[in-house]
Amino acid sequence: MGTPCHFALFELQPSFRLDLEQLATRYRELARGVHPDRFADASEREQRLALEQSASLNEAYQTLKNPPKRARYLLAMKGGELPMEVTVHDPDFLMQQMQWREELEELQDEADVAGVAVFKRRLKVAQDELNESFAACWDDAAQREQAERLMRRMQFLDKLTYEVRQLEERLDD
């Protein structure tokens, strides 16, 4: 792997718990350093390098600022790449997913703006709890399976939260 690890780019220790404001500040500092405008008069090679660095920096930032992506990245660092789609043996959570989906459909059918706001807050609480659980177990090899399960739950909640935001926008129109 020739590219530096995402954490190293920001001079951070690999950890799930990150100060996101600090990350954003560091990102802006580094991004200014490789901004294409600064290389307008540089050689073609330097321009290309700056562009590549800028792209790596963006990718690293997008990965680290998003908890499910950060979780996935940490697991991949520890134990190799994870398949994107797997059938997850997580029956409890599958039930929970179905409940949430049904609830969201009802809120959509009833165009219940207040209900959507409450639902969104509940998802946020669930996400925070998952983040905490993941932070507690990701670096323990014995709990690898649990960490992967939590990461997949995080991915699902991330997607659901995105759908809730889209619904809110539609109801606002």
Protein backbone atom coordinates (compact mmCIF):
# COMPACT_ATOMS: atom_id res chain seq x y z
CA MET A 1 0.00 0.00 0.00
CA GLY A 2 1.79 3.11 -1.24
CA THR A 3 -0.73 5.64 0.01
CA PRO A 4 -0.44 6.82 3.60
CA CYS A 5 -3.21 5.77 5.91
CA HIS A 6 -6.11 8.21 6.22
CA PHE A 7 -5.31 8.86 9.87
CA ALA A 8 -1.63 9.53 9.14
CA LEU A 9 -2.62 12.17 6.56
CA PHE A 10 -4.20 14.14 9.40
CA GLU A 11 -1.45 13.23 11.88
CA LEU A 12 -3.95 11.27 13.99
CA GLN A 13 -3.72 7.95 15.78
CA PRO A 14 -6.11 5.36 14.32
CA SER A 15 -9.11 5.60 16.59
CA PHE A 16 -12.86 5.54 16.26
CA ARG A 17 -13.27 8.48 18.64
CA LEU A 18 -12.29 11.60 16.74
CA ASP A 19 -12.69 15.30 17.37
CA LEU A 20 -14.58 16.17 14.19
CA GLU A 21 -13.99 19.90 14.50
CA GLN A 22 -10.26 19.34 14.81
CA LEU A 23 -10.46 17.01 11.80
CA ALA A 24 -12.30 19.66 9.75
CA THR A 25 -9.80 22.37 10.69
CA ARG A 26 -6.85 20.18 9.78
CA TYR A 27 -8.56 19.21 6.52
CA ARG A 28 -8.97 22.89 5.54
CA GLU A 29 -5.31 23.62 6.35
CA LEU A 30 -4.08 20.67 4.29
CA ALA A 31 -6.52 21.34 1.44
CA ARG A 32 -5.20 24.88 1.06
CA GLY A 33 -1.70 23.46 0.67
CA VAL A 34 -2.63 21.27 -2.31
CA HIS A 35 -5.25 23.52 -3.89
CA PRO A 36 -4.88 23.47 -7.72
CA ASP A 37 -4.80 27.31 -7.84
CA ARG A 38 -1.50 27.26 -5.94
CA PHE A 39 0.00 25.16 -8.74
CA ALA A 40 -1.25 27.20 -11.70
CA ASP A 41 2.31 28.09 -12.71
CA ALA A 42 3.91 24.80 -11.70
CA SER A 43 5.08 22.03 -14.02
CA GLU A 44 2.53 19.54 -15.34
CA ARG A 45 3.96 16.87 -13.03
CA GLU A 46 3.59 19.09 -9.96
CA GLN A 47 0.04 19.96 -10.98
CA ARG A 48 -0.82 16.29 -11.35
CA LEU A 49 0.73 15.46 -7.96
CA ALA A 50 -1.21 18.26 -6.28
CA LEU A 51 -4.40 16.99 -7.87
CA GLU A 52 -3.71 13.45 -6.66
CA GLN A 53 -2.92 14.68 -3.15
CA SER A 54 -6.07 16.76 -3.14
CA ALA A 55 -8.13 13.73 -4.18
CA SER A 56 -6.54 11.50 -1.49
CA LEU A 57 -7.14 14.17 1.10
CA ASN A 58 -10.80 14.49 0.13
CA GLU A 59 -11.30 10.75 0.21
CA ALA A 60 -9.61 10.47 3.61
CA TYR A 61 -11.73 13.28 5.02
CA GLN A 62 -15.03 11.88 3.69
CA THR A 63 -14.12 8.49 5.18
CA LEU A 64 -13.06 9.72 8.60
CA LYS A 65 -15.86 12.20 9.21
CA ASN A 66 -18.58 9.59 8.60
CA PRO A 67 -18.85 7.09 11.50
CA PRO A 68 -19.89 4.00 9.48
CA LYS A 69 -17.18 4.66 6.88
CA ARG A 70 -14.63 5.31 9.63
CA ALA A 71 -15.66 2.04 11.32
CA ARG A 72 -15.35 0.12 8.06
CA TYR A 73 -11.95 1.68 7.38
CA LEU A 74 -10.63 0.78 10.85
CA LEU A 75 -11.81 -2.82 10.46
CA ALA A 76 -10.18 -3.02 7.02
CA MET A 77 -6.90 -1.65 8.48
CA LYS A 78 -7.00 -4.35 11.15
CA GLY A 79 -8.10 -7.34 9.13
CA GLY A 80 -8.18 -6.75 5.42
CA GLU A 81 -10.97 -5.60 3.13
CA LEU A 82 -14.58 -6.31 4.02
CA PRO A 83 -17.06 -7.40 1.38
CA MET A 84 -19.54 -4.59 0.69
CA GLU A 85 -22.62 -6.78 0.67
CA VAL A 86 -22.95 -9.72 2.96
CA THR A 87 -25.91 -11.53 4.36
CA VAL A 88 -25.74 -10.49 7.94
CA HIS A 89 -26.73 -13.03 10.55
CA ASP A 90 -28.27 -10.42 12.77
CA PRO A 91 -31.91 -11.45 13.24
CA ASP A 92 -32.59 -8.98 16.07
CA PHE A 93 -31.48 -6.09 13.98
CA LEU A 94 -33.37 -7.31 10.90
CA MET A 95 -36.56 -7.12 12.96
CA GLN A 96 -35.63 -3.62 14.06
CA GLN A 97 -34.95 -2.60 10.45
CA MET A 98 -38.38 -3.81 9.38
CA GLN A 99 -40.05 -1.87 12.20
CA TRP A 100 -38.21 1.33 11.30
CA ARG A 101 -39.04 0.95 7.62
CA GLU A 102 -42.76 0.40 8.37
CA GLU A 103 -42.78 3.39 10.69
CA LEU A 104 -41.13 5.57 8.08
CA GLU A 105 -43.68 4.48 5.46
CA GLU A 106 -46.55 5.41 7.78
CA LEU A 107 -44.99 8.81 8.49
CA GLN A 108 -44.64 9.31 4.74
CA ASP A 109 -48.25 8.27 4.02
CA GLU A 110 -49.54 10.60 6.71
CA ALA A 111 -47.11 13.38 5.75
CA ASP A 112 -46.49 13.68 9.49
CA VAL A 113 -43.81 16.38 9.77
CA ALA A 114 -43.69 16.36 13.59
CA GLY A 115 -43.56 12.56 13.62
CA VAL A 116 -40.64 12.59 11.20
CA ALA A 117 -38.71 14.95 13.49
CA VAL A 118 -39.27 12.62 16.46
CA PHE A 119 -38.28 9.59 14.37
CA LYS A 120 -35.10 11.39 13.29
CA ARG A 121 -34.16 12.10 16.92
CA ARG A 122 -34.70 8.44 17.82
CA LEU A 123 -32.42 7.38 14.96
CA LYS A 124 -29.78 9.82 16.21
CA VAL A 125 -29.90 8.22 19.67
CA ALA A 126 -29.61 4.75 18.12
CA GLN A 127 -26.63 5.94 16.05
CA ASP A 128 -24.89 7.43 19.08
CA GLU A 129 -25.35 4.17 21.00
CA LEU A 130 -23.96 2.15 18.09
CA ASN A 131 -20.98 4.50 17.80
CA GLU A 132 -20.25 4.05 21.50
CA SER A 133 -20.53 0.24 21.26
CA PHE A 134 -18.27 0.18 18.23
CA ALA A 135 -15.69 2.45 19.87
CA ALA A 136 -15.61 0.07 22.83
CA CYS A 137 -14.94 -3.09 20.82
CA TRP A 138 -13.33 -2.36 17.44
CA ASP A 139 -9.70 -2.78 18.49
CA ASP A 140 -10.30 -6.03 20.36
CA ALA A 141 -9.54 -8.89 17.95
CA ALA A 142 -11.73 -11.23 19.97
CA GLN A 143 -14.71 -9.02 19.21
CA ARG A 144 -14.06 -8.65 15.49
CA GLU A 145 -17.35 -10.28 14.52
CA GLN A 146 -19.33 -8.03 16.86
CA ALA A 147 -17.48 -4.96 15.55
CA GLU A 148 -18.36 -5.92 11.95
CA ARG A 149 -21.98 -6.46 12.95
CA LEU A 150 -22.11 -3.03 14.60
CA MET A 151 -20.48 -1.40 11.57
CA ARG A 152 -23.15 -2.89 9.30
CA ARG A 153 -25.87 -1.64 11.63
CA MET A 154 -24.25 1.79 11.46
CA GLN A 155 -24.31 1.67 7.65
CA PHE A 156 -28.00 0.83 7.69
CA LEU A 157 -28.84 3.68 10.08
CA ASP A 158 -26.79 6.09 7.99
CA LYS A 159 -28.83 5.15 4.92
CA LEU A 160 -32.11 5.38 6.84
CA THR A 161 -31.19 8.81 8.20
CA TYR A 162 -30.51 9.96 4.65
CA GLU A 163 -33.97 8.72 3.60
CA VAL A 164 -35.55 10.54 6.54
CA ARG A 165 -33.84 13.79 5.49
CA GLN A 166 -35.13 13.34 1.93
CA LEU A 167 -38.65 12.77 3.26
CA GLU A 168 -38.37 15.93 5.39
CA GLU A 169 -37.40 17.93 2.31
CA ARG A 170 -40.34 16.56 0.36
CA LEU A 171 -42.75 17.37 3.19
CA ASP A 172 -41.32 20.87 3.46
CA ASP A 173 -42.01 21.69 -0.18
